Protein backbone atom coordinates (compact mmCIF):
# COMPACT_ATOMS: atom_id res chain seq x y z
CA MET A 1 -0.04 -0.04 0.22
CA GLY A 2 1.44 3.81 -1.05
CA PHE A 3 0.25 7.20 0.00
CA ALA A 4 0.27 10.48 -1.24
CA TRP A 5 -0.88 13.52 -0.55
CA ASP A 6 -3.31 15.53 -2.64
CA ASN A 7 -3.47 19.10 -2.93
CA GLN A 8 -5.94 19.67 0.23
CA GLY A 9 -3.41 18.23 2.40
CA LYS A 10 -4.86 15.12 2.77
CA LEU A 11 -3.35 11.55 3.01
CA ARG A 12 -4.83 9.86 -0.21
CA VAL A 13 -4.10 5.97 -0.44
CA SER A 14 -2.41 5.93 -3.73
CA PHE A 15 -2.13 2.27 -4.37
CA VAL A 16 -3.38 -1.09 -2.82
CA TYR A 17 -1.97 -4.18 -3.17
CA ASN A 18 -4.85 -6.94 -3.89
CA ASN A 19 -2.53 -10.15 -1.85
CA VAL A 20 -2.23 -7.84 1.17
CA PRO A 21 -5.00 -7.88 4.18
CA ILE A 22 -6.29 -4.50 3.76
CA TYR A 23 -7.21 -4.41 0.31
CA GLY A 24 -9.28 -7.70 1.29
CA GLU A 25 -10.97 -5.36 3.80
CA GLY A 26 -12.22 -3.21 1.39
CA VAL A 27 -9.52 -0.40 1.11
CA ARG A 28 -8.99 1.21 -2.10
CA ARG A 29 -7.07 4.15 -4.09
CA GLY A 30 -8.19 7.49 -2.79
CA TRP A 31 -9.37 6.47 0.34
CA ILE A 32 -7.72 9.26 2.95
CA LEU A 33 -6.17 7.95 6.15
CA GLU A 34 -7.24 9.71 9.10
CA GLU A 35 -5.26 8.36 11.72
CA VAL A 36 -2.77 5.86 12.74
CA ASN A 37 -2.83 4.40 16.69
CA GLY A 38 -4.80 7.32 17.54
CA THR A 39 -2.94 10.07 15.93
CA VAL A 40 -4.94 12.25 13.25
CA ILE A 41 -2.73 12.78 10.48
CA THR A 42 -1.92 16.43 9.35
CA ALA A 43 -0.03 17.79 6.29
CA GLY A 44 3.61 16.38 6.34
CA ALA A 45 3.29 13.84 9.68
CA ASN A 46 5.54 10.92 9.23
CA ILE A 47 3.63 7.63 8.70
CA SER A 48 6.51 5.69 8.70
CA SER A 49 7.12 6.45 12.49
CA LEU A 50 3.62 6.38 13.34
CA LEU A 51 3.54 2.79 12.24
CA GLY A 52 6.28 1.32 14.65
CA PRO A 53 8.82 -1.20 14.56
CA ASN A 54 9.25 -3.15 10.54
CA GLN A 55 8.99 -6.74 11.85
CA ALA A 56 6.38 -9.50 12.32
CA GLY A 57 3.36 -9.13 14.97
CA VAL A 58 3.43 -5.29 15.27
CA ASN A 59 -0.22 -4.22 15.19
CA ASN A 60 -1.59 -0.96 13.79
CA GLU A 61 -4.34 0.64 14.12
CA PHE A 62 -5.87 2.84 11.09
CA VAL A 63 -9.05 5.12 10.68
CA PHE A 64 -9.93 5.82 6.83
CA THR A 65 -12.57 7.93 4.90
CA ALA A 66 -13.51 5.91 2.65
CA SER A 67 -15.15 7.06 -1.34
CA ASP A 68 -18.37 7.63 -0.27
CA GLY A 69 -17.70 9.21 3.39
CA GLN A 70 -17.75 6.56 5.66
CA GLN A 71 -15.24 5.79 8.53
CA VAL A 72 -13.56 2.93 8.50
CA SER A 73 -11.49 1.28 11.07
CA PHE A 74 -8.70 -1.40 11.19
CA SER A 75 -6.56 -3.42 13.16
CA LEU A 76 -3.45 -4.92 11.39
CA GLU A 77 -0.70 -7.03 12.61
CA LYS A 78 2.07 -6.74 10.21
CA GLY A 79 3.44 -10.34 8.62
């Protein structure tokens, strides 16, 4: 999954691989990432630092706004 800032300072999903769990949860290109682990995402935020170490078992909580405006929350564990 990748992200890119839009011209309104929102962090949007720029791509999602179809073989990752979050794709199975319905996350798609264009969705807005609102929070990671309780931290509201603001312009220029360092997302990598919010996700913790790059190792299996690390759990992260995400809040997205879907393309229909609905907020969706997920808890995902790094594999």
